[in-house]
Amino acid sequence: MSYSRKAGATPGRTLDDAAQERGTPMTLSSEHLSTLNPSQRAAAEYGTAALPHQLPGPLLIIAGAGTGKTTTLAHRVAHLVARGADPRRILLLTFTRRAAETMTRRAHQIAAQVATGDVSGRGRIEWSGTFHAIGNRLLRMHAEAVGLDPGFTVLDRSDAEDLLNLVRHELGFSKQATRFPKKGTCLAIYSHALNAGAAVETTVEGAFPWCASWAEELKGLFRAYVDAKQRRHVLDYDDLLLYWFHLMQDGAVAESVRRRFDGSTTSWSMNTRTRTHSRRGSCGA
C-alpha cells in the first residue's frame, strides 16, 4: 500500500490552497488512530507529518492474513484526508468489491468523526474500487488510445464461458471423438496463460496436464475467441487489466492518468499471479 507524491501536481498550487477551496478543515489530532496497534498506527501515520505542505512518499507494508490490513488502510486514508489531502485525488485499489466498499465507507466515517468543520465540503473518495472496476473506468475515458469502442460491454465469467463455448462449437471441437476440454476449463487455461504471460503449451503442461494433447487446438480456439470479442466490442475480466496495461504504454495517456492522482493506496494479495504482457492479443500465438 502506498501514497506518494506525483510530479504532475499543479505547479504553484499547494495542498493548503486545495483544502481552502474545498472548505476542508484540517486537524492535527491523531485520536482517531487510538484503536490501532503500534504497527498499524505507524503505517497509518507514515509520511503524514508534513501534510498539507508535502505529500508522503511511497510505503510498502507486508502483512499476513488477519493482521488488520483493511482497518489500517481505512485509517490511513482517513488520516491523509484529515491532514489536508484531497480525497478526490486519492486512488484506492483492492481485489474485491466488498473490500473496496468497506475501506471507502470506513475512511469516510473516520474522516467525518475527526472533522472540525463542515464535512460536506470535503468531497469524497471518487476513485475507489477493484482493479477491474478502475481499469473499466480508465479504459472508457481513453478507449481510442487502445483501439476500443468507449461503449464496450464487459462479459462476466459466465458470459465469457458461453462465448468461448460458441467459438469452440463453431470450430468443431465439441464434436471431437476424444473429449475436448469443456468451456470452463478452456477459459481457465486462457486466463491462466494470459495472467502468467506464458505460452499455452507451458500452461497446460504445468497446470492442466490432462489437456496437454490439445495445446494446438486450444491456441486456435483462443485466437478465434479474441477475434469474436473484438467483433462484438466486448471485453472479459482479463481484458480489463490487459488493455489497461497497454493503455499505460502510451506516454501521453499515462501522464494524463498520473496527473489525476496525488497518490494511490493499494491492498495487494500475495496469492496472485504476476501480470506481464508483451503485447495485446491472443495468448494462443
C-alpha atoms as a PDB file:
ATOM      1  CA  MET A   1       0.000   0.000   0.000  1.00  0.00           C
ATOM      2  CA  SER A   2       1.369   3.407  -0.846  1.00  0.00           C
ATOM      3  CA  TYR A   3       0.604   7.083  -1.000  1.00  0.00           C
ATOM      4  CA  SER A   4       3.169   9.024  -2.965  1.00  0.00           C
ATOM      5  CA  ARG A   5       3.691  12.484  -4.353  1.00  0.00           C
ATOM      6  CA  LYS A   6       3.222  12.803  -8.105  1.00  0.00           C
ATOM      7  CA  ALA A   7       5.342  15.140 -10.196  1.00  0.00           C
ATOM      8  CA  GLY A   8       2.250  16.117 -12.175  1.00  0.00           C
ATOM      9  CA  ALA A   9       0.717  18.147  -9.359  1.00  0.00           C
ATOM     10  CA  THR A  10      -0.416  21.592 -10.444  1.00  0.00           C
ATOM     11  CA  PRO A  11       2.589  23.960 -10.196  1.00  0.00           C
ATOM     12  CA  GLY A  12       2.253  26.808  -7.704  1.00  0.00           C
ATOM     13  CA  ARG A  13      -0.768  25.249  -6.034  1.00  0.00           C
ATOM     14  CA  THR A  14      -0.322  23.721  -2.590  1.00  0.00           C
ATOM     15  CA  LEU A  15      -2.467  21.363  -0.596  1.00  0.00           C
ATOM     16  CA  ASP A  16      -3.301  24.320   1.623  1.00  0.00           C
ATOM     17  CA  ASP A  17      -4.831  26.077  -1.380  1.00  0.00           C
ATOM     18  CA  ALA A  18      -6.799  22.967  -2.355  1.00  0.00           C
ATOM     19  CA  ALA A  19      -8.029  22.480   1.197  1.00  0.00           C
ATOM     20  CA  GLN A  20      -9.226  26.078   1.428  1.00  0.00           C
ATOM     21  CA  GLU A  21     -11.038  25.789  -1.907  1.00  0.00           C
ATOM     22  CA  ARG A  22     -12.851  22.684  -0.653  1.00  0.00           C
ATOM     23  CA  GLY A  23     -13.570  24.204   2.720  1.00  0.00           C
ATOM     24  CA  THR A  24     -11.622  21.337   4.256  1.00  0.00           C
ATOM     25  CA  PRO A  25     -10.849  21.898   7.947  1.00  0.00           C
ATOM     26  CA  MET A  26      -7.586  20.142   8.822  1.00  0.00           C
ATOM     27  CA  THR A  27      -6.826  18.578  12.184  1.00  0.00           C
ATOM     28  CA  LEU A  28      -3.530  17.730  13.819  1.00  0.00           C
ATOM     29  CA  SER A  29      -5.157  15.337  16.270  1.00  0.00           C
ATOM     30  CA  SER A  30      -4.432  11.602  15.966  1.00  0.00           C
ATOM     31  CA  GLU A  31      -7.036  10.436  18.467  1.00  0.00           C
ATOM     32  CA  HIS A  32      -8.881   8.643  15.680  1.00  0.00           C
ATOM     33  CA  LEU A  33      -5.887   6.277  15.435  1.00  0.00           C
ATOM     34  CA  SER A  34      -6.041   5.243  19.089  1.00  0.00           C
ATOM     35  CA  THR A  35      -7.679   1.882  18.328  1.00  0.00           C
ATOM     36  CA  LEU A  36      -4.754   0.775  16.161  1.00  0.00           C
ATOM     37  CA  ASN A  37      -1.847  -1.243  17.488  1.00  0.00           C
ATOM     38  CA  PRO A  38       1.664   0.306  17.240  1.00  0.00           C
ATOM     39  CA  SER A  39       2.496  -1.303  13.875  1.00  0.00           C
ATOM     40  CA  GLN A  40      -0.850  -0.341  12.349  1.00  0.00           C
ATOM     41  CA  ARG A  41      -0.565   3.193  13.660  1.00  0.00           C
ATOM     42  CA  ALA A  42       2.955   3.577  12.296  1.00  0.00           C
ATOM     43  CA  ALA A  43       1.630   2.592   8.864  1.00  0.00           C
ATOM     44  CA  ALA A  44      -1.360   4.940   9.092  1.00  0.00           C
ATOM     45  CA  GLU A  45       0.791   7.920  10.097  1.00  0.00           C
ATOM     46  CA  TYR A  46       3.780   7.258   7.872  1.00  0.00           C
ATOM     47  CA  GLY A  47       4.883  10.369   5.993  1.00  0.00           C
ATOM     48  CA  THR A  48       1.883  12.466   7.019  1.00  0.00           C
ATOM     49  CA  ALA A  49       3.700  14.840   9.398  1.00  0.00           C
ATOM     50  CA  ALA A  50       4.460  17.292   6.573  1.00  0.00           C
ATOM     51  CA  LEU A  51       0.884  17.431   5.294  1.00  0.00           C
ATOM     52  CA  PRO A  52      -0.641  19.564   3.920  1.00  0.00           C
ATOM     53  CA  HIS A  53       2.567  21.162   2.634  1.00  0.00           C
ATOM     54  CA  GLN A  54       4.172  17.965   1.318  1.00  0.00           C
ATOM     55  CA  LEU A  55       2.687  14.635   0.296  1.00  0.00           C
ATOM     56  CA  PRO A  56       4.023  11.358   1.752  1.00  0.00           C
ATOM     57  CA  GLY A  57       6.456   9.198  -0.147  1.00  0.00           C
ATOM     58  CA  PRO A  58       5.951   5.515  -1.086  1.00  0.00           C
ATOM     59  CA  LEU A  59       5.163   2.990   1.625  1.00  0.00           C
ATOM     60  CA  LEU A  60       5.184  -0.815   1.331  1.00  0.00           C
ATOM     61  CA  ILE A  61       3.611  -2.939   4.069  1.00  0.00           C
ATOM     62  CA  ILE A  62       3.934  -6.712   4.170  1.00  0.00           C
ATOM     63  CA  ALA A  63       1.369  -8.336   6.453  1.00  0.00           C
ATOM     64  CA  GLY A  64      -0.326 -11.701   6.779  1.00  0.00           C
ATOM     65  CA  ALA A  65      -3.993 -12.631   6.959  1.00  0.00           C
ATOM     66  CA  GLY A  66      -5.918 -11.329   9.951  1.00  0.00           C
ATOM     67  CA  THR A  67      -3.444  -8.552  10.760  1.00  0.00           C
ATOM     68  CA  GLY A  68      -5.891  -5.718  10.107  1.00  0.00           C
ATOM     69  CA  LYS A  69      -4.819  -4.593   6.642  1.00  0.00           C
ATOM     70  CA  THR A  70      -8.261  -3.237   5.735  1.00  0.00           C
ATOM     71  CA  THR A  71      -8.548  -1.377   9.040  1.00  0.00           C
ATOM     72  CA  THR A  72      -5.072   0.091   8.629  1.00  0.00           C
ATOM     73  CA  LEU A  73      -5.730   1.220   5.074  1.00  0.00           C
ATOM     74  CA  ALA A  74      -9.037   2.839   6.030  1.00  0.00           C
ATOM     75  CA  HIS A  75      -7.401   4.725   8.889  1.00  0.00           C
ATOM     76  CA  ARG A  76      -4.502   5.782   6.687  1.00  0.00           C
ATOM     77  CA  VAL A  77      -6.789   7.226   4.022  1.00  0.00           C
ATOM     78  CA  ALA A  78      -8.892   8.966   6.682  1.00  0.00           C
ATOM     79  CA  HIS A  79      -5.747  10.357   8.307  1.00  0.00           C
ATOM     80  CA  LEU A  80      -4.498  11.685   4.976  1.00  0.00           C
ATOM     81  CA  VAL A  81      -7.826  13.438   4.417  1.00  0.00           C
ATOM     82  CA  ALA A  82      -7.883  14.751   7.977  1.00  0.00           C
ATOM     83  CA  ARG A  83      -4.421  16.250   7.435  1.00  0.00           C
ATOM     84  CA  GLY A  84      -5.495  18.025   4.246  1.00  0.00           C
ATOM     85  CA  ALA A  85      -5.081  15.571   1.356  1.00  0.00           C
ATOM     86  CA  ASP A  86      -7.750  15.887  -1.344  1.00  0.00           C
ATOM     87  CA  PRO A  87      -9.917  12.714  -1.250  1.00  0.00           C
ATOM     88  CA  ARG A  88     -10.842  13.231  -4.903  1.00  0.00           C
ATOM     89  CA  ARG A  89      -7.180  12.738  -5.853  1.00  0.00           C
ATOM     90  CA  ILE A  90      -6.672   9.509  -3.915  1.00  0.00           C
ATOM     91  CA  LEU A  91      -6.757   6.236  -5.865  1.00  0.00           C
ATOM     92  CA  LEU A  92      -7.890   3.357  -3.640  1.00  0.00           C
ATOM     93  CA  LEU A  93      -7.435  -0.102  -5.166  1.00  0.00           C
ATOM     94  CA  THR A  94      -8.156  -3.583  -3.883  1.00  0.00           C
ATOM     95  CA  PHE A  95      -9.102  -7.014  -5.224  1.00  0.00           C
ATOM     96  CA  THR A  96     -12.738  -7.375  -4.193  1.00  0.00           C
ATOM     97  CA  ARG A  97     -15.703  -5.039  -4.472  1.00  0.00           C
ATOM     98  CA  ARG A  98     -16.651  -5.720  -0.892  1.00  0.00           C
ATOM     99  CA  ALA A  99     -13.205  -4.755   0.402  1.00  0.00           C
ATOM    100  CA  ALA A 100     -13.234  -1.546  -1.640  1.00  0.00           C
ATOM    101  CA  GLU A 101     -16.668  -0.584  -0.330  1.00  0.00           C
ATOM    102  CA  THR A 102     -15.646  -1.416   3.238  1.00  0.00           C
ATOM    103  CA  MET A 103     -12.422   0.612   3.119  1.00  0.00           C
ATOM    104  CA  THR A 104     -14.123   3.596   1.492  1.00  0.00           C
ATOM    105  CA  ARG A 105     -17.006   3.584   3.974  1.00  0.00           C
ATOM    106  CA  ARG A 106     -14.691   3.285   6.967  1.00  0.00           C
ATOM    107  CA  ALA A 107     -12.410   6.037   5.684  1.00  0.00           C
ATOM    108  CA  HIS A 108     -15.348   8.400   5.210  1.00  0.00           C
ATOM    109  CA  GLN A 109     -16.737   7.570   8.660  1.00  0.00           C
ATOM    110  CA  ILE A 110     -13.400   8.143  10.388  1.00  0.00           C
ATOM    111  CA  ALA A 111     -12.756  11.368   8.476  1.00  0.00           C
ATOM    112  CA  ALA A 112     -16.208  12.622   9.445  1.00  0.00           C
ATOM    113  CA  GLN A 113     -15.581  11.827  13.108  1.00  0.00           C
ATOM    114  CA  VAL A 114     -12.412  13.929  13.224  1.00  0.00           C
ATOM    115  CA  ALA A 115     -13.753  16.794  11.115  1.00  0.00           C
ATOM    116  CA  THR A 116     -13.543  20.167  12.820  1.00  0.00           C
ATOM    117  CA  GLY A 117     -15.963  21.896  10.479  1.00  0.00           C
ATOM    118  CA  ASP A 118     -18.407  21.335   7.641  1.00  0.00           C
ATOM    119  CA  VAL A 119     -17.838  17.782   6.412  1.00  0.00           C
ATOM    120  CA  SER A 120     -19.933  18.305   3.273  1.00  0.00           C
ATOM    121  CA  GLY A 121     -17.196  20.448   1.743  1.00  0.00           C
ATOM    122  CA  ARG A 122     -14.545  17.762   1.983  1.00  0.00           C
ATOM    123  CA  GLY A 123     -15.507  15.840  -1.123  1.00  0.00           C
ATOM    124  CA  ARG A 124     -15.499  12.065  -1.304  1.00  0.00           C
ATOM    125  CA  ILE A 125     -13.112   9.374  -2.491  1.00  0.00           C
ATOM    126  CA  GLU A 126     -14.235   9.171  -6.101  1.00  0.00           C
ATOM    127  CA  TRP A 127     -11.657   6.669  -7.347  1.00  0.00           C
ATOM    128  CA  SER A 128     -12.168   3.625  -5.172  1.00  0.00           C
ATOM    129  CA  GLY A 129     -12.766   0.077  -6.354  1.00  0.00           C
ATOM    130  CA  THR A 130     -11.325  -3.164  -7.621  1.00  0.00           C
ATOM    131  CA  PHE A 131      -8.539  -3.237 -10.183  1.00  0.00           C
ATOM    132  CA  HIS A 132     -11.109  -4.336 -12.770  1.00  0.00           C
ATOM    133  CA  ALA A 133     -13.554  -1.536 -11.909  1.00  0.00           C
ATOM    134  CA  ILE A 134     -10.898   1.180 -12.072  1.00  0.00           C
ATOM    135  CA  GLY A 135      -9.496  -0.302 -15.273  1.00  0.00           C
ATOM    136  CA  ASN A 136     -13.007  -0.247 -16.747  1.00  0.00           C
ATOM    137  CA  ARG A 137     -13.399   3.475 -15.967  1.00  0.00           C
ATOM    138  CA  LEU A 138      -9.999   4.460 -17.321  1.00  0.00           C
ATOM    139  CA  LEU A 139     -10.435   2.414 -20.495  1.00  0.00           C
ATOM    140  CA  ARG A 140     -13.745   4.104 -21.263  1.00  0.00           C
ATOM    141  CA  MET A 141     -12.104   7.503 -20.786  1.00  0.00           C
ATOM    142  CA  HIS A 142      -9.188   6.655 -23.105  1.00  0.00           C
ATOM    143  CA  ALA A 143     -10.703   3.919 -25.275  1.00  0.00           C
ATOM    144  CA  GLU A 144      -9.465   5.255 -28.616  1.00  0.00           C
ATOM    145  CA  ALA A 145      -5.849   5.076 -27.472  1.00  0.00           C
ATOM    146  CA  VAL A 146      -6.056   1.268 -27.430  1.00  0.00           C
ATOM    147  CA  GLY A 147      -8.494   0.862 -30.322  1.00  0.00           C
ATOM    148  CA  LEU A 148     -11.595   0.257 -28.239  1.00  0.00           C
ATOM    149  CA  ASP A 149     -15.146   1.487 -28.627  1.00  0.00           C
ATOM    150  CA  PRO A 150     -15.932   3.534 -25.456  1.00  0.00           C
ATOM    151  CA  GLY A 151     -19.266   1.730 -25.283  1.00  0.00           C
ATOM    152  CA  PHE A 152     -17.705  -1.721 -24.983  1.00  0.00           C
ATOM    153  CA  THR A 153     -19.525  -4.352 -22.939  1.00  0.00           C
ATOM    154  CA  VAL A 154     -17.854  -6.289 -20.132  1.00  0.00           C
ATOM    155  CA  LEU A 155     -18.516 -10.027 -20.025  1.00  0.00           C
ATOM    156  CA  ASP A 156     -18.775 -11.701 -16.645  1.00  0.00           C
ATOM    157  CA  ARG A 157     -17.223 -15.131 -16.311  1.00  0.00           C
ATOM    158  CA  SER A 158     -20.427 -16.952 -17.257  1.00  0.00           C
ATOM    159  CA  ASP A 159     -20.904 -14.884 -20.429  1.00  0.00           C
ATOM    160  CA  ALA A 160     -17.230 -15.296 -21.323  1.00  0.00           C
ATOM    161  CA  GLU A 161     -17.566 -19.069 -20.986  1.00  0.00           C
ATOM    162  CA  ASP A 162     -20.654 -19.021 -23.216  1.00  0.00           C
ATOM    163  CA  LEU A 163     -18.903 -17.012 -25.932  1.00  0.00           C
ATOM    164  CA  LEU A 164     -15.863 -19.260 -25.757  1.00  0.00           C
ATOM    165  CA  ASN A 165     -18.162 -22.278 -25.980  1.00  0.00           C
ATOM    166  CA  LEU A 166     -19.849 -20.817 -29.069  1.00  0.00           C
ATOM    167  CA  VAL A 167     -16.474 -20.423 -30.758  1.00  0.00           C
ATOM    168  CA  ARG A 168     -15.487 -23.894 -29.557  1.00  0.00           C
ATOM    169  CA  HIS A 169     -18.591 -25.324 -31.253  1.00  0.00           C
ATOM    170  CA  GLU A 170     -18.077 -23.318 -34.464  1.00  0.00           C
ATOM    171  CA  LEU A 171     -14.564 -24.750 -34.765  1.00  0.00           C
ATOM    172  CA  GLY A 172     -15.937 -28.261 -34.363  1.00  0.00           C
ATOM    173  CA  PHE A 173     -14.040 -29.015 -31.172  1.00  0.00           C
ATOM    174  CA  SER A 174     -17.200 -30.033 -29.327  1.00  0.00           C
ATOM    175  CA  LYS A 175     -17.651 -32.940 -31.750  1.00  0.00           C
ATOM    176  CA  GLN A 176     -14.216 -34.472 -31.383  1.00  0.00           C
ATOM    177  CA  ALA A 177     -14.025 -38.239 -30.957  1.00  0.00           C
ATOM    178  CA  THR A 178     -11.787 -37.683 -27.956  1.00  0.00           C
ATOM    179  CA  ARG A 179     -13.394 -35.364 -25.449  1.00  0.00           C
ATOM    180  CA  PHE A 180     -12.209 -31.782 -25.844  1.00  0.00           C
ATOM    181  CA  PRO A 181     -11.892 -29.660 -22.638  1.00  0.00           C
ATOM    182  CA  LYS A 182     -15.164 -28.078 -21.504  1.00  0.00           C
ATOM    183  CA  LYS A 183     -15.789 -24.350 -21.754  1.00  0.00           C
ATOM    184  CA  GLY A 184     -14.961 -23.669 -18.097  1.00  0.00           C
ATOM    185  CA  THR A 185     -11.633 -25.453 -18.400  1.00  0.00           C
ATOM    186  CA  CYS A 186     -10.839 -23.691 -21.669  1.00  0.00           C
ATOM    187  CA  LEU A 187     -11.468 -20.289 -20.084  1.00  0.00           C
ATOM    188  CA  ALA A 188      -9.386 -21.239 -17.051  1.00  0.00           C
ATOM    189  CA  ILE A 189      -6.463 -22.182 -19.315  1.00  0.00           C
ATOM    190  CA  TYR A 190      -6.843 -18.974 -21.326  1.00  0.00           C
ATOM    191  CA  SER A 191      -6.948 -16.827 -18.173  1.00  0.00           C
ATOM    192  CA  HIS A 192      -4.016 -18.649 -16.566  1.00  0.00           C
ATOM    193  CA  ALA A 193      -1.829 -18.274 -19.661  1.00  0.00           C
ATOM    194  CA  LEU A 194      -2.743 -14.608 -20.079  1.00  0.00           C
ATOM    195  CA  ASN A 195      -2.146 -13.699 -16.450  1.00  0.00           C
ATOM    196  CA  ALA A 196       1.116 -15.606 -16.242  1.00  0.00           C
ATOM    197  CA  GLY A 197       2.350 -14.311 -19.581  1.00  0.00           C
ATOM    198  CA  ALA A 198       3.051 -17.917 -20.517  1.00  0.00           C
ATOM    199  CA  ALA A 199       2.640 -19.940 -23.685  1.00  0.00           C
ATOM    200  CA  VAL A 200      -0.351 -22.260 -23.878  1.00  0.00           C
ATOM    201  CA  GLU A 201       1.972 -25.280 -24.024  1.00  0.00           C
ATOM    202  CA  THR A 202       3.696 -24.227 -20.804  1.00  0.00           C
ATOM    203  CA  THR A 203       0.364 -23.531 -19.103  1.00  0.00           C
ATOM    204  CA  VAL A 204      -1.264 -26.858 -19.892  1.00  0.00           C
ATOM    205  CA  GLU A 205       1.871 -28.847 -19.100  1.00  0.00           C
ATOM    206  CA  GLY A 206       2.267 -27.174 -15.721  1.00  0.00           C
ATOM    207  CA  ALA A 207      -1.310 -26.589 -14.544  1.00  0.00           C
ATOM    208  CA  PHE A 208      -3.615 -28.603 -16.825  1.00  0.00           C
ATOM    209  CA  PRO A 209      -1.587 -31.689 -17.799  1.00  0.00           C
ATOM    210  CA  TRP A 210      -4.686 -33.681 -18.792  1.00  0.00           C
ATOM    211  CA  CYS A 211      -5.212 -31.124 -21.603  1.00  0.00           C
ATOM    212  CA  ALA A 212      -1.631 -31.190 -22.920  1.00  0.00           C
ATOM    213  CA  SER A 213      -2.568 -33.115 -26.060  1.00  0.00           C
ATOM    214  CA  TRP A 214      -4.939 -30.290 -27.083  1.00  0.00           C
ATOM    215  CA  ALA A 215      -2.407 -27.434 -26.963  1.00  0.00           C
ATOM    216  CA  GLU A 216      -2.510 -26.622 -30.698  1.00  0.00           C
ATOM    217  CA  GLU A 217      -6.312 -26.735 -30.820  1.00  0.00           C
ATOM    218  CA  LEU A 218      -6.525 -24.536 -27.714  1.00  0.00           C
ATOM    219  CA  LYS A 219      -4.250 -21.943 -29.328  1.00  0.00           C
ATOM    220  CA  GLY A 220      -6.559 -21.830 -32.344  1.00  0.00           C
ATOM    221  CA  LEU A 221      -9.583 -21.580 -30.063  1.00  0.00           C
ATOM    222  CA  PHE A 222      -8.106 -18.673 -28.130  1.00  0.00           C
ATOM    223  CA  ARG A 223      -7.223 -16.772 -31.306  1.00  0.00           C
ATOM    224  CA  ALA A 224     -10.793 -17.199 -32.523  1.00  0.00           C
ATOM    225  CA  TYR A 225     -12.119 -16.176 -29.102  1.00  0.00           C
ATOM    226  CA  VAL A 226     -10.138 -12.917 -29.220  1.00  0.00           C
ATOM    227  CA  ASP A 227     -11.457 -12.235 -32.740  1.00  0.00           C
ATOM    228  CA  ALA A 228     -15.014 -12.916 -31.587  1.00  0.00           C
ATOM    229  CA  LYS A 229     -14.664 -10.471 -28.693  1.00  0.00           C
ATOM    230  CA  GLN A 230     -13.263  -7.765 -30.948  1.00  0.00           C
ATOM    231  CA  ARG A 231     -16.075  -8.170 -33.498  1.00  0.00           C
ATOM    232  CA  ARG A 232     -18.668  -7.842 -30.732  1.00  0.00           C
ATOM    233  CA  HIS A 233     -16.879  -4.965 -28.928  1.00  0.00           C
ATOM    234  CA  VAL A 234     -16.768  -6.911 -25.667  1.00  0.00           C
ATOM    235  CA  LEU A 235     -14.077  -7.466 -23.056  1.00  0.00           C
ATOM    236  CA  ASP A 236     -13.770 -10.152 -20.413  1.00  0.00           C
ATOM    237  CA  TYR A 237     -12.327  -9.520 -16.954  1.00  0.00           C
ATOM    238  CA  ASP A 238      -8.804 -10.389 -18.018  1.00  0.00           C
ATOM    239  CA  ASP A 239      -9.051  -7.913 -20.892  1.00  0.00           C
ATOM    240  CA  LEU A 240      -9.741  -5.050 -18.482  1.00  0.00           C
ATOM    241  CA  LEU A 241      -6.303  -5.493 -16.945  1.00  0.00           C
ATOM    242  CA  LEU A 242      -4.584  -6.394 -20.219  1.00  0.00           C
ATOM    243  CA  TYR A 243      -5.872  -3.323 -22.069  1.00  0.00           C
ATOM    244  CA  TRP A 244      -5.166  -1.140 -19.036  1.00  0.00           C
ATOM    245  CA  PHE A 245      -1.572  -2.347 -19.151  1.00  0.00           C
ATOM    246  CA  HIS A 246      -1.300  -1.450 -22.828  1.00  0.00           C
ATOM    247  CA  LEU A 247      -3.039   1.878 -22.226  1.00  0.00           C
ATOM    248  CA  MET A 248      -0.261   2.842 -19.825  1.00  0.00           C
ATOM    249  CA  GLN A 249       2.334   2.253 -22.554  1.00  0.00           C
ATOM    250  CA  ASP A 250       1.027   5.400 -24.271  1.00  0.00           C
ATOM    251  CA  GLY A 251       3.147   8.176 -22.781  1.00  0.00           C
ATOM    252  CA  ALA A 252       0.554  10.936 -23.164  1.00  0.00           C
ATOM    253  CA  VAL A 253      -2.247   8.854 -21.668  1.00  0.00           C
ATOM    254  CA  ALA A 254      -0.054   7.594 -18.837  1.00  0.00           C
ATOM    255  CA  GLU A 255       0.864  11.184 -17.978  1.00  0.00           C
ATOM    256  CA  SER A 256      -2.809  12.208 -18.027  1.00  0.00           C
ATOM    257  CA  VAL A 257      -3.741   9.393 -15.649  1.00  0.00           C
ATOM    258  CA  ARG A 258      -0.756  10.114 -13.419  1.00  0.00           C
ATOM    259  CA  ARG A 259      -1.705  13.782 -13.080  1.00  0.00           C
ATOM    260  CA  ARG A 260      -5.206  12.827 -11.994  1.00  0.00           C
ATOM    261  CA  PHE A 261      -3.951  11.459  -8.659  1.00  0.00           C
ATOM    262  CA  ASP A 262      -1.724  12.709  -5.856  1.00  0.00           C
ATOM    263  CA  GLY A 263      -1.191   9.141  -4.712  1.00  0.00           C
ATOM    264  CA  SER A 264      -2.530   5.605  -4.593  1.00  0.00           C
ATOM    265  CA  THR A 265      -3.426   3.289  -1.746  1.00  0.00           C
ATOM    266  CA  THR A 266      -3.449  -0.368  -2.699  1.00  0.00           C
ATOM    267  CA  SER A 267      -4.412  -3.558  -0.904  1.00  0.00           C
ATOM    268  CA  TRP A 268      -2.461  -6.371  -2.553  1.00  0.00           C
ATOM    269  CA  SER A 269      -2.853 -10.123  -2.078  1.00  0.00           C
ATOM    270  CA  MET A 270       0.145 -12.448  -2.262  1.00  0.00           C
ATOM    271  CA  ASN A 271      -1.821 -15.282  -3.890  1.00  0.00           C
ATOM    272  CA  THR A 272      -1.968 -13.520  -7.260  1.00  0.00           C
ATOM    273  CA  ARG A 273      -0.010 -14.160 -10.402  1.00  0.00           C
ATOM    274  CA  THR A 274       2.286 -11.572 -11.927  1.00  0.00           C
ATOM    275  CA  ARG A 275       0.748  -9.855 -14.912  1.00  0.00           C
ATOM    276  CA  THR A 276       3.378  -9.248 -17.571  1.00  0.00           C
ATOM    277  CA  HIS A 277       2.239  -8.713 -21.131  1.00  0.00           C
ATOM    278  CA  SER A 278       4.441  -8.015 -24.116  1.00  0.00           C
ATOM    279  CA  ARG A 279       1.558  -7.390 -26.478  1.00  0.00           C
ATOM    280  CA  ARG A 280      -2.162  -7.126 -26.874  1.00  0.00           C
ATOM    281  CA  GLY A 281      -3.932 -10.100 -28.412  1.00  0.00           C
ATOM    282  CA  SER A 282      -4.335 -13.806 -28.021  1.00  0.00           C
ATOM    283  CA  CYS A 283      -2.211 -15.905 -25.737  1.00  0.00           C
ATOM    284  CA  GLY A 284      -2.582 -18.603 -28.336  1.00  0.00           C
ATOM    285  CA  ALA A 285       0.098 -17.202 -30.601  1.00  0.00           C
END
